[in-house]
Amino acid sequence: MSIEYVELADYLAIAVEVTGLTVETIARVTKLDLADSALHAPAAAFADTEFYPDFIDKAAVLAVRLVKNHIASRRPAGDGAKTALPGPHDNRSHVQRPHTPEGSSAPAPTP
């Protein structure tokens, strides 16, 4: 089976069709290097061995990379490895979490 991969020009044409924006606007507000990287991920190989030989795997890695790169492009500069949701060791004082008893995954009952 021969597979045709989505190229950056295809990506831009799809974005224009879906959003109704001009290609210039899409190019200006999109990190095209991240999109291009995601589009090439399904074709990854080493020494003539494909990393994602099955079509379903290729589709999955394309979707995952597009989503991850979209999220990464929306993070403020200097955010590093932080995620949008606070974790259990997040030291931001404005985030309130219920108390969890030692060794339990359930929140403590509220009085």
PDB file of N, CA and C in Angstrom:
ATOM      1  N   MET A   1       0.844  -1.173   0.000  1.00  0.00           N
ATOM      2  CA  MET A   1       0.000   0.000   0.000  1.00  0.00           C
ATOM      3  C   MET A   1       0.891   1.239   0.000  1.00  0.00           C
ATOM      4  N   SER A   2       0.593   2.149  -0.870  1.00  0.00           N
ATOM      5  CA  SER A   2       1.322   3.400  -0.955  1.00  0.00           C
ATOM      6  C   SER A   2       0.581   4.479  -0.164  1.00  0.00           C
ATOM      7  N   ILE A   3       1.304   5.182   0.671  1.00  0.00           N
ATOM      8  CA  ILE A   3       0.693   6.210   1.510  1.00  0.00           C
ATOM      9  C   ILE A   3       1.182   7.586   1.062  1.00  0.00           C
ATOM     10  N   GLU A   4       0.247   8.494   0.872  1.00  0.00           N
ATOM     11  CA  GLU A   4       0.584   9.884   0.579  1.00  0.00           C
ATOM     12  C   GLU A   4       0.461  10.672   1.872  1.00  0.00           C
ATOM     13  N   TYR A   5       1.551  11.290   2.282  1.00  0.00           N
ATOM     14  CA  TYR A   5       1.559  12.044   3.533  1.00  0.00           C
ATOM     15  C   TYR A   5       1.067  13.467   3.300  1.00  0.00           C
ATOM     16  N   VAL A   6       0.468  14.044   4.334  1.00  0.00           N
ATOM     17  CA  VAL A   6      -0.007  15.423   4.283  1.00  0.00           C
ATOM     18  C   VAL A   6       1.213  16.342   4.334  1.00  0.00           C
ATOM     19  N   GLU A   7       1.289  17.234   3.378  1.00  0.00           N
ATOM     20  CA  GLU A   7       2.378  18.210   3.336  1.00  0.00           C
ATOM     21  C   GLU A   7       1.913  19.525   3.968  1.00  0.00           C
ATOM     22  N   LEU A   8       2.839  20.426   4.213  1.00  0.00           N
ATOM     23  CA  LEU A   8       2.513  21.705   4.832  1.00  0.00           C
ATOM     24  C   LEU A   8       1.521  22.500   3.983  1.00  0.00           C
ATOM     25  N   ALA A   9       1.659  22.459   2.665  1.00  0.00           N
ATOM     26  CA  ALA A   9       0.722  23.171   1.787  1.00  0.00           C
ATOM     27  C   ALA A   9      -0.693  22.604   1.948  1.00  0.00           C
ATOM     28  N   ASP A  10      -0.806  21.280   2.080  1.00  0.00           N
ATOM     29  CA  ASP A  10      -2.113  20.651   2.316  1.00  0.00           C
ATOM     30  C   ASP A  10      -2.692  21.110   3.654  1.00  0.00           C
ATOM     31  N   TYR A  11      -1.843  21.132   4.665  1.00  0.00           N
ATOM     32  CA  TYR A  11      -2.245  21.569   6.002  1.00  0.00           C
ATOM     33  C   TYR A  11      -2.805  22.988   5.950  1.00  0.00           C
ATOM     34  N   LEU A  12      -2.100  23.871   5.260  1.00  0.00           N
ATOM     35  CA  LEU A  12      -2.561  25.259   5.140  1.00  0.00           C
ATOM     36  C   LEU A  12      -3.879  25.339   4.373  1.00  0.00           C
ATOM     37  N   ALA A  13      -4.005  24.584   3.294  1.00  0.00           N
ATOM     38  CA  ALA A  13      -5.241  24.593   2.507  1.00  0.00           C
ATOM     39  C   ALA A  13      -6.422  24.101   3.344  1.00  0.00           C
ATOM     40  N   ILE A  14      -6.208  23.061   4.146  1.00  0.00           N
ATOM     41  CA  ILE A  14      -7.269  22.547   5.018  1.00  0.00           C
ATOM     42  C   ILE A  14      -7.637  23.592   6.063  1.00  0.00           C
ATOM     43  N   ALA A  15      -6.632  24.234   6.663  1.00  0.00           N
ATOM     44  CA  ALA A  15      -6.881  25.256   7.686  1.00  0.00           C
ATOM     45  C   ALA A  15      -7.667  26.426   7.107  1.00  0.00           C
ATOM     46  N   VAL A  16      -7.328  26.841   5.898  1.00  0.00           N
ATOM     47  CA  VAL A  16      -8.052  27.938   5.237  1.00  0.00           C
ATOM     48  C   VAL A  16      -9.511  27.538   5.019  1.00  0.00           C
ATOM     49  N   GLU A  17      -9.722  26.326   4.541  1.00  0.00           N
ATOM     50  CA  GLU A  17     -11.082  25.846   4.263  1.00  0.00           C
ATOM     51  C   GLU A  17     -11.906  25.730   5.542  1.00  0.00           C
ATOM     52  N   VAL A  18     -11.306  25.218   6.601  1.00  0.00           N
ATOM     53  CA  VAL A  18     -12.032  24.991   7.857  1.00  0.00           C
ATOM     54  C   VAL A  18     -12.306  26.299   8.592  1.00  0.00           C
ATOM     55  N   THR A  19     -11.323  27.191   8.637  1.00  0.00           N
ATOM     56  CA  THR A  19     -11.461  28.411   9.436  1.00  0.00           C
ATOM     57  C   THR A  19     -12.047  29.587   8.664  1.00  0.00           C
ATOM     58  N   GLY A  20     -11.904  29.588   7.343  1.00  0.00           N
ATOM     59  CA  GLY A  20     -12.353  30.731   6.557  1.00  0.00           C
ATOM     60  C   GLY A  20     -11.369  31.894   6.581  1.00  0.00           C
ATOM     61  N   LEU A  21     -10.210  31.704   7.202  1.00  0.00           N
ATOM     62  CA  LEU A  21      -9.181  32.739   7.250  1.00  0.00           C
ATOM     63  C   LEU A  21      -8.327  32.668   5.991  1.00  0.00           C
ATOM     64  N   THR A  22      -7.554  33.708   5.756  1.00  0.00           N
ATOM     65  CA  THR A  22      -6.648  33.694   4.606  1.00  0.00           C
ATOM     66  C   THR A  22      -5.403  32.884   4.949  1.00  0.00           C
ATOM     67  N   VAL A  23      -4.717  32.425   3.929  1.00  0.00           N
ATOM     68  CA  VAL A  23      -3.488  31.660   4.145  1.00  0.00           C
ATOM     69  C   VAL A  23      -2.445  32.532   4.839  1.00  0.00           C
ATOM     70  N   GLU A  24      -2.450  33.825   4.554  1.00  0.00           N
ATOM     71  CA  GLU A  24      -1.499  34.735   5.206  1.00  0.00           C
ATOM     72  C   GLU A  24      -1.756  34.801   6.710  1.00  0.00           C
ATOM     73  N   THR A  25      -3.031  34.877   7.088  1.00  0.00           N
ATOM     74  CA  THR A  25      -3.384  34.924   8.509  1.00  0.00           C
ATOM     75  C   THR A  25      -3.020  33.613   9.198  1.00  0.00           C
ATOM     76  N   ILE A  26      -3.341  32.512   8.568  1.00  0.00           N
ATOM     77  CA  ILE A  26      -2.995  31.198   9.136  1.00  0.00           C
ATOM     78  C   ILE A  26      -1.489  31.097   9.326  1.00  0.00           C
ATOM     79  N   ALA A  27      -0.720  31.502   8.332  1.00  0.00           N
ATOM     80  CA  ALA A  27       0.744  31.426   8.409  1.00  0.00           C
ATOM     81  C   ALA A  27       1.290  32.340   9.503  1.00  0.00           C
ATOM     82  N   ARG A  28       0.623  33.470   9.726  1.00  0.00           N
ATOM     83  CA  ARG A  28       1.094  34.431  10.723  1.00  0.00           C
ATOM     84  C   ARG A  28       0.803  33.961  12.142  1.00  0.00           C
ATOM     85  N   VAL A  29      -0.348  33.329  12.370  1.00  0.00           N
ATOM     86  CA  VAL A  29      -0.741  32.957  13.732  1.00  0.00           C
ATOM     87  C   VAL A  29      -0.410  31.515  14.102  1.00  0.00           C
ATOM     88  N   THR A  30       0.081  30.758  13.156  1.00  0.00           N
ATOM     89  CA  THR A  30       0.421  29.355  13.398  1.00  0.00           C
ATOM     90  C   THR A  30       1.931  29.190  13.433  1.00  0.00           C
ATOM     91  N   LYS A  31       2.403  28.341  14.330  1.00  0.00           N
ATOM     92  CA  LYS A  31       3.824  28.011  14.342  1.00  0.00           C
ATOM     93  C   LYS A  31       4.029  26.904  13.313  1.00  0.00           C
ATOM     94  N   LEU A  32       4.348  27.316  12.106  1.00  0.00           N
ATOM     95  CA  LEU A  32       4.438  26.380  10.990  1.00  0.00           C
ATOM     96  C   LEU A  32       5.538  25.344  11.177  1.00  0.00           C
ATOM     97  N   ASP A  33       6.589  25.678  11.925  1.00  0.00           N
ATOM     98  CA  ASP A  33       7.643  24.697  12.160  1.00  0.00           C
ATOM     99  C   ASP A  33       7.124  23.523  12.994  1.00  0.00           C
ATOM    100  N   LEU A  34       6.248  23.809  13.965  1.00  0.00           N
ATOM    101  CA  LEU A  34       5.659  22.732  14.764  1.00  0.00           C
ATOM    102  C   LEU A  34       4.685  21.905  13.931  1.00  0.00           C
ATOM    103  N   ALA A  35       3.902  22.571  13.092  1.00  0.00           N
ATOM    104  CA  ALA A  35       2.974  21.848  12.220  1.00  0.00           C
ATOM    105  C   ALA A  35       3.746  20.955  11.258  1.00  0.00           C
ATOM    106  N   ASP A  36       4.809  21.489  10.668  1.00  0.00           N
ATOM    107  CA  ASP A  36       5.612  20.720   9.724  1.00  0.00           C
ATOM    108  C   ASP A  36       6.252  19.509  10.410  1.00  0.00           C
ATOM    109  N   SER A  37       6.715  19.699  11.630  1.00  0.00           N
ATOM    110  CA  SER A  37       7.298  18.594  12.391  1.00  0.00           C
ATOM    111  C   SER A  37       6.262  17.498  12.629  1.00  0.00           C
ATOM    112  N   ALA A  38       5.050  17.891  13.035  1.00  0.00           N
ATOM    113  CA  ALA A  38       3.984  16.918  13.276  1.00  0.00           C
ATOM    114  C   ALA A  38       3.606  16.183  11.993  1.00  0.00           C
ATOM    115  N   LEU A  39       3.582  16.896  10.876  1.00  0.00           N
ATOM    116  CA  LEU A  39       3.205  16.277   9.607  1.00  0.00           C
ATOM    117  C   LEU A  39       4.229  15.245   9.141  1.00  0.00           C
ATOM    118  N   HIS A  40       5.482  15.408   9.537  1.00  0.00           N
ATOM    119  CA  HIS A  40       6.522  14.456   9.134  1.00  0.00           C
ATOM    120  C   HIS A  40       6.651  13.262  10.086  1.00  0.00           C
ATOM    121  N   ALA A  41       6.069  13.351  11.272  1.00  0.00           N
ATOM    122  CA  ALA A  41       6.212  12.283  12.262  1.00  0.00           C
ATOM    123  C   ALA A  41       5.733  10.914  11.766  1.00  0.00           C
ATOM    124  N   PRO A  42       4.606  10.814  11.063  1.00  0.00           N
ATOM    125  CA  PRO A  42       4.163   9.479  10.629  1.00  0.00           C
ATOM    126  C   PRO A  42       5.118   8.773   9.667  1.00  0.00           C
ATOM    127  N   ALA A  43       5.973   9.528   8.999  1.00  0.00           N
ATOM    128  CA  ALA A  43       6.907   8.935   8.035  1.00  0.00           C
ATOM    129  C   ALA A  43       8.261   8.606   8.669  1.00  0.00           C
ATOM    130  N   ALA A  44       8.388   8.767   9.973  1.00  0.00           N
ATOM    131  CA  ALA A  44       9.671   8.543  10.645  1.00  0.00           C
ATOM    132  C   ALA A  44      10.173   7.119  10.422  1.00  0.00           C
ATOM    133  N   ALA A  45      11.480   7.027  10.145  1.00  0.00           N
ATOM    134  CA  ALA A  45      12.106   5.723   9.904  1.00  0.00           C
ATOM    135  C   ALA A  45      13.588   5.810  10.218  1.00  0.00           C
ATOM    136  N   PHE A  46      14.201   4.653  10.393  1.00  0.00           N
ATOM    137  CA  PHE A  46      15.643   4.562  10.591  1.00  0.00           C
ATOM    138  C   PHE A  46      16.109   3.283   9.914  1.00  0.00           C
ATOM    139  N   ALA A  47      17.110   3.405   9.090  1.00  0.00           N
ATOM    140  CA  ALA A  47      17.690   2.248   8.382  1.00  0.00           C
ATOM    141  C   ALA A  47      16.609   1.434   7.663  1.00  0.00           C
ATOM    142  N   ASP A  48      15.785   2.122   6.925  1.00  0.00           N
ATOM    143  CA  ASP A  48      14.706   1.497   6.148  1.00  0.00           C
ATOM    144  C   ASP A  48      13.658   0.775   6.992  1.00  0.00           C
ATOM    145  N   THR A  49      13.599   1.071   8.287  1.00  0.00           N
ATOM    146  CA  THR A  49      12.584   0.497   9.162  1.00  0.00           C
ATOM    147  C   THR A  49      11.676   1.623   9.637  1.00  0.00           C
ATOM    148  N   GLU A  50      10.403   1.532   9.264  1.00  0.00           N
ATOM    149  CA  GLU A  50       9.445   2.555   9.664  1.00  0.00           C
ATOM    150  C   GLU A  50       9.123   2.422  11.150  1.00  0.00           C
ATOM    151  N   PHE A  51       9.048   3.567  11.854  1.00  0.00           N
ATOM    152  CA  PHE A  51       8.662   3.553  13.256  1.00  0.00           C
ATOM    153  C   PHE A  51       7.171   3.260  13.398  1.00  0.00           C
ATOM    154  N   TYR A  52       6.380   3.691  12.426  1.00  0.00           N
ATOM    155  CA  TYR A  52       4.930   3.513  12.458  1.00  0.00           C
ATOM    156  C   TYR A  52       4.490   2.840  11.154  1.00  0.00           C
ATOM    157  N   PRO A  53       4.642   1.520  11.044  1.00  0.00           N
ATOM    158  CA  PRO A  53       4.358   0.848   9.782  1.00  0.00           C
ATOM    159  C   PRO A  53       2.864   0.734   9.451  1.00  0.00           C
ATOM    160  N   ASP A  54       2.003   0.683  10.457  1.00  0.00           N
ATOM    161  CA  ASP A  54       0.566   0.529  10.219  1.00  0.00           C
ATOM    162  C   ASP A  54      -0.099   1.875   9.992  1.00  0.00           C
ATOM    163  N   PHE A  55      -1.093   1.887   9.120  1.00  0.00           N
ATOM    164  CA  PHE A  55      -1.816   3.119   8.809  1.00  0.00           C
ATOM    165  C   PHE A  55      -2.441   3.733  10.065  1.00  0.00           C
ATOM    166  N   ILE A  56      -3.024   2.898  10.915  1.00  0.00           N
ATOM    167  CA  ILE A  56      -3.649   3.388  12.153  1.00  0.00           C
ATOM    168  C   ILE A  56      -2.609   4.054  13.047  1.00  0.00           C
ATOM    169  N   ASP A  57      -1.427   3.477  13.146  1.00  0.00           N
ATOM    170  CA  ASP A  57      -0.354   4.079  13.945  1.00  0.00           C
ATOM    171  C   ASP A  57       0.069   5.415  13.356  1.00  0.00           C
ATOM    172  N   LYS A  58       0.142   5.495  12.050  1.00  0.00           N
ATOM    173  CA  LYS A  58       0.507   6.744  11.384  1.00  0.00           C
ATOM    174  C   LYS A  58      -0.530   7.831  11.681  1.00  0.00           C
ATOM    175  N   ALA A  59      -1.806   7.461  11.583  1.00  0.00           N
ATOM    176  CA  ALA A  59      -2.883   8.421  11.870  1.00  0.00           C
ATOM    177  C   ALA A  59      -2.844   8.862  13.328  1.00  0.00           C
ATOM    178  N   ALA A  60      -2.596   7.909  14.225  1.00  0.00           N
ATOM    179  CA  ALA A  60      -2.552   8.228  15.655  1.00  0.00           C
ATOM    180  C   ALA A  60      -1.388   9.158  15.984  1.00  0.00           C
ATOM    181  N   VAL A  61      -0.202   8.875  15.463  1.00  0.00           N
ATOM    182  CA  VAL A  61       0.947   9.722  15.774  1.00  0.00           C
ATOM    183  C   VAL A  61       0.760  11.114  15.171  1.00  0.00           C
ATOM    184  N   LEU A  62       0.129  11.199  14.014  1.00  0.00           N
ATOM    185  CA  LEU A  62      -0.150  12.511  13.420  1.00  0.00           C
ATOM    186  C   LEU A  62      -1.092  13.306  14.321  1.00  0.00           C
ATOM    187  N   ALA A  63      -2.171  12.684  14.771  1.00  0.00           N
ATOM    188  CA  ALA A  63      -3.126  13.371  15.637  1.00  0.00           C
ATOM    189  C   ALA A  63      -2.483  13.804  16.955  1.00  0.00           C
ATOM    190  N   VAL A  64      -1.743  12.902  17.571  1.00  0.00           N
ATOM    191  CA  VAL A  64      -1.098  13.218  18.853  1.00  0.00           C
ATOM    192  C   VAL A  64      -0.108  14.369  18.693  1.00  0.00           C
ATOM    193  N   ARG A  65       0.721  14.324  17.661  1.00  0.00           N
ATOM    194  CA  ARG A  65       1.721  15.374  17.463  1.00  0.00           C
ATOM    195  C   ARG A  65       1.074  16.721  17.154  1.00  0.00           C
ATOM    196  N   LEU A  66       0.016  16.720  16.354  1.00  0.00           N
ATOM    197  CA  LEU A  66      -0.669  17.987  16.065  1.00  0.00           C
ATOM    198  C   LEU A  66      -1.252  18.591  17.338  1.00  0.00           C
ATOM    199  N   VAL A  67      -1.869  17.757  18.166  1.00  0.00           N
ATOM    200  CA  VAL A  67      -2.455  18.253  19.413  1.00  0.00           C
ATOM    201  C   VAL A  67      -1.372  18.730  20.366  1.00  0.00           C
ATOM    202  N   LYS A  68      -0.323  17.927  20.568  1.00  0.00           N
ATOM    203  CA  LYS A  68       0.761  18.331  21.474  1.00  0.00           C
ATOM    204  C   LYS A  68       1.420  19.628  21.010  1.00  0.00           C
ATOM    205  N   ASN A  69       1.657  19.742  19.723  1.00  0.00           N
ATOM    206  CA  ASN A  69       2.294  20.945  19.215  1.00  0.00           C
ATOM    207  C   ASN A  69       1.358  22.147  19.294  1.00  0.00           C
ATOM    208  N   HIS A  70       0.060  21.919  19.150  1.00  0.00           N
ATOM    209  CA  HIS A  70      -0.896  23.010  19.306  1.00  0.00           C
ATOM    210  C   HIS A  70      -0.876  23.515  20.742  1.00  0.00           C
ATOM    211  N   ILE A  71      -0.879  22.583  21.696  1.00  0.00           N
ATOM    212  CA  ILE A  71      -0.830  22.962  23.107  1.00  0.00           C
ATOM    213  C   ILE A  71       0.482  23.676  23.414  1.00  0.00           C
ATOM    214  N   ALA A  72       1.591  23.146  22.913  1.00  0.00           N
ATOM    215  CA  ALA A  72       2.899  23.762  23.154  1.00  0.00           C
ATOM    216  C   ALA A  72       2.959  25.167  22.572  1.00  0.00           C
ATOM    217  N   SER A  73       2.309  25.398  21.454  1.00  0.00           N
ATOM    218  CA  SER A  73       2.366  26.719  20.831  1.00  0.00           C
ATOM    219  C   SER A  73       1.513  27.724  21.573  1.00  0.00           C
ATOM    220  N   ARG A  74       0.634  27.273  22.442  1.00  0.00           N
ATOM    221  CA  ARG A  74      -0.242  28.180  23.193  1.00  0.00           C
ATOM    222  C   ARG A  74       0.299  28.506  24.578  1.00  0.00           C
ATOM    223  N   ARG A  75       1.372  27.849  25.012  1.00  0.00           N
ATOM    224  CA  ARG A  75       1.955  28.134  26.326  1.00  0.00           C
ATOM    225  C   ARG A  75       2.668  29.470  26.306  1.00  0.00           C
ATOM    226  N   PRO A  76       2.584  30.200  27.408  1.00  0.00           N
ATOM    227  CA  PRO A  76       3.347  31.444  27.495  1.00  0.00           C
ATOM    228  C   PRO A  76       4.848  31.157  27.492  1.00  0.00           C
ATOM    229  N   ALA A  77       5.624  32.095  27.030  1.00  0.00           N
ATOM    230  CA  ALA A  77       7.079  31.926  27.000  1.00  0.00           C
ATOM    231  C   ALA A  77       7.599  31.674  28.408  1.00  0.00           C
ATOM    232  N   GLY A  78       8.563  30.772  28.525  1.00  0.00           N
ATOM    233  CA  GLY A  78       9.178  30.482  29.811  1.00  0.00           C
ATOM    234  C   GLY A  78       8.389  29.511  30.662  1.00  0.00           C
ATOM    235  N   ASP A  79       7.341  28.894  30.113  1.00  0.00           N
ATOM    236  CA  ASP A  79       6.514  27.984  30.883  1.00  0.00           C
ATOM    237  C   ASP A  79       7.202  26.649  31.127  1.00  0.00           C
ATOM    238  N   GLY A  80       8.197  26.333  30.318  1.00  0.00           N
ATOM    239  CA  GLY A  80       8.931  25.093  30.518  1.00  0.00           C
ATOM    240  C   GLY A  80       8.047  23.877  30.406  1.00  0.00           C
ATOM    241  N   ALA A  81       8.172  22.952  31.354  1.00  0.00           N
ATOM    242  CA  ALA A  81       7.443  21.690  31.290  1.00  0.00           C
ATOM    243  C   ALA A  81       6.132  21.732  32.061  1.00  0.00           C
ATOM    244  N   LYS A  82       5.708  22.906  32.551  1.00  0.00           N
ATOM    245  CA  LYS A  82       4.465  22.981  33.306  1.00  0.00           C
ATOM    246  C   LYS A  82       3.289  22.672  32.396  1.00  0.00           C
ATOM    247  N   THR A  83       2.272  22.098  32.967  1.00  0.00           N
ATOM    248  CA  THR A  83       1.061  21.795  32.212  1.00  0.00           C
ATOM    249  C   THR A  83      -0.006  22.819  32.557  1.00  0.00           C
ATOM    250  N   ALA A  84      -1.094  22.809  31.818  1.00  0.00           N
ATOM    251  CA  ALA A  84      -2.171  23.752  32.048  1.00  0.00           C
ATOM    252  C   ALA A  84      -2.895  23.463  33.362  1.00  0.00           C
ATOM    253  N   LEU A  85      -2.907  22.209  33.798  1.00  0.00           N
ATOM    254  CA  LEU A  85      -3.576  21.848  35.033  1.00  0.00           C
ATOM    255  C   LEU A  85      -2.560  21.695  36.157  1.00  0.00           C
ATOM    256  N   PRO A  86      -2.881  22.192  37.352  1.00  0.00           N
ATOM    257  CA  PRO A  86      -1.930  22.070  38.456  1.00  0.00           C
ATOM    258  C   PRO A  86      -1.781  20.623  38.901  1.00  0.00           C
ATOM    259  N   GLY A  87      -0.577  20.257  39.255  1.00  0.00           N
ATOM    260  CA  GLY A  87      -0.299  18.914  39.747  1.00  0.00           C
ATOM    261  C   GLY A  87      -0.299  18.899  41.260  1.00  0.00           C
ATOM    262  N   PRO A  88      -0.084  17.744  41.875  1.00  0.00           N
ATOM    263  CA  PRO A  88      -0.135  17.643  43.332  1.00  0.00           C
ATOM    264  C   PRO A  88       0.979  18.408  44.030  1.00  0.00           C
ATOM    265  N   HIS A  89       2.076  18.689  43.328  1.00  0.00           N
ATOM    266  CA  HIS A  89       3.193  19.395  43.945  1.00  0.00           C
ATOM    267  C   HIS A  89       3.290  20.832  43.462  1.00  0.00           C
ATOM    268  N   ASP A  90       2.229  21.336  42.886  1.00  0.00           N
ATOM    269  CA  ASP A  90       2.211  22.706  42.380  1.00  0.00           C
ATOM    270  C   ASP A  90       2.206  23.648  43.579  1.00  0.00           C
ATOM    271  N   ASN A  91       3.101  24.622  43.592  1.00  0.00           N
ATOM    272  CA  ASN A  91       3.214  25.501  44.743  1.00  0.00           C
ATOM    273  C   ASN A  91       2.492  26.831  44.557  1.00  0.00           C
ATOM    274  N   ARG A  92       1.595  26.906  43.603  1.00  0.00           N
ATOM    275  CA  ARG A  92       0.840  28.152  43.417  1.00  0.00           C
ATOM    276  C   ARG A  92      -0.196  28.253  44.530  1.00  0.00           C
ATOM    277  N   SER A  93      -0.121  29.307  45.335  1.00  0.00           N
ATOM    278  CA  SER A  93      -0.964  29.430  46.513  1.00  0.00           C
ATOM    279  C   SER A  93      -2.433  29.654  46.179  1.00  0.00           C
ATOM    280  N   HIS A  94      -2.741  30.148  44.988  1.00  0.00           N
ATOM    281  CA  HIS A  94      -4.135  30.426  44.644  1.00  0.00           C
ATOM    282  C   HIS A  94      -4.906  29.180  44.212  1.00  0.00           C
ATOM    283  N   VAL A  95      -4.221  28.042  44.109  1.00  0.00           N
ATOM    284  CA  VAL A  95      -4.882  26.799  43.716  1.00  0.00           C
ATOM    285  C   VAL A  95      -5.235  26.036  44.979  1.00  0.00           C
ATOM    286  N   GLN A  96      -6.521  25.766  45.178  1.00  0.00           N
ATOM    287  CA  GLN A  96      -6.952  25.029  46.366  1.00  0.00           C
ATOM    288  C   GLN A  96      -7.298  23.600  45.986  1.00  0.00           C
ATOM    289  N   ARG A  97      -6.771  22.672  46.746  1.00  0.00           N
ATOM    290  CA  ARG A  97      -7.048  21.262  46.532  1.00  0.00           C
ATOM    291  C   ARG A  97      -7.607  20.676  47.822  1.00  0.00           C
ATOM    292  N   PRO A  98      -8.505  19.709  47.711  1.00  0.00           N
ATOM    293  CA  PRO A  98      -8.992  19.070  48.941  1.00  0.00           C
ATOM    294  C   PRO A  98      -7.863  18.288  49.605  1.00  0.00           C
ATOM    295  N   HIS A  99      -7.920  18.214  50.920  1.00  0.00           N
ATOM    296  CA  HIS A  99      -6.922  17.444  51.675  1.00  0.00           C
ATOM    297  C   HIS A  99      -7.152  15.963  51.431  1.00  0.00           C
ATOM    298  N   THR A 100      -6.098  15.214  51.181  1.00  0.00           N
ATOM    299  CA  THR A 100      -6.175  13.772  50.990  1.00  0.00           C
ATOM    300  C   THR A 100      -5.446  13.103  52.133  1.00  0.00           C
ATOM    301  N   PRO A 101      -6.127  12.223  52.897  1.00  0.00           N
ATOM    302  CA  PRO A 101      -5.448  11.524  54.004  1.00  0.00           C
ATOM    303  C   PRO A 101      -4.254  10.726  53.496  1.00  0.00           C
ATOM    304  N   GLU A 102      -3.247  10.583  54.342  1.00  0.00           N
ATOM    305  CA  GLU A 102      -2.029   9.847  54.003  1.00  0.00           C
ATOM    306  C   GLU A 102      -2.361   8.442  53.522  1.00  0.00           C
ATOM    307  N   GLY A 103      -1.848   8.063  52.357  1.00  0.00           N
ATOM    308  CA  GLY A 103      -2.026   6.723  51.820  1.00  0.00           C
ATOM    309  C   GLY A 103      -3.372   6.502  51.154  1.00  0.00           C
ATOM    310  N   SER A 104      -4.167   7.524  51.021  1.00  0.00           N
ATOM    311  CA  SER A 104      -5.486   7.394  50.402  1.00  0.00           C
ATOM    312  C   SER A 104      -5.548   8.197  49.123  1.00  0.00           C
ATOM    313  N   SER A 105      -6.281   7.714  48.141  1.00  0.00           N
ATOM    314  CA  SER A 105      -6.444   8.473  46.913  1.00  0.00           C
ATOM    315  C   SER A 105      -7.752   9.238  46.919  1.00  0.00           C
ATOM    316  N   ALA A 106      -8.587   8.998  47.930  1.00  0.00           N
ATOM    317  CA  ALA A 106      -9.872   9.686  48.002  1.00  0.00           C
ATOM    318  C   ALA A 106      -9.727  10.961  48.813  1.00  0.00           C
ATOM    319  N   PRO A 107     -10.439  12.024  48.453  1.00  0.00           N
ATOM    320  CA  PRO A 107     -10.388  13.253  49.238  1.00  0.00           C
ATOM    321  C   PRO A 107     -10.985  13.021  50.640  1.00  0.00           C
ATOM    322  N   ALA A 108     -10.508  13.777  51.589  1.00  0.00           N
ATOM    323  CA  ALA A 108     -11.028  13.687  52.949  1.00  0.00           C
ATOM    324  C   ALA A 108     -12.465  14.196  52.966  1.00  0.00           C
ATOM    325  N   PRO A 109     -13.308  13.615  53.831  1.00  0.00           N
ATOM    326  CA  PRO A 109     -14.681  14.101  53.915  1.00  0.00           C
ATOM    327  C   PRO A 109     -14.722  15.530  54.427  1.00  0.00           C
ATOM    328  N   THR A 110     -15.681  16.306  53.954  1.00  0.00           N
ATOM    329  CA  THR A 110     -15.817  17.677  54.421  1.00  0.00           C
ATOM    330  C   THR A 110     -16.725  17.689  55.630  1.00  0.00           C
ATOM    331  N   PRO A 111     -16.386  18.496  56.649  1.00  0.00           N
ATOM    332  CA  PRO A 111     -17.200  18.529  57.868  1.00  0.00           C
ATOM    333  C   PRO A 111     -18.528  19.212  57.661  1.00  0.00           C
TER     334      PRO A 111
END
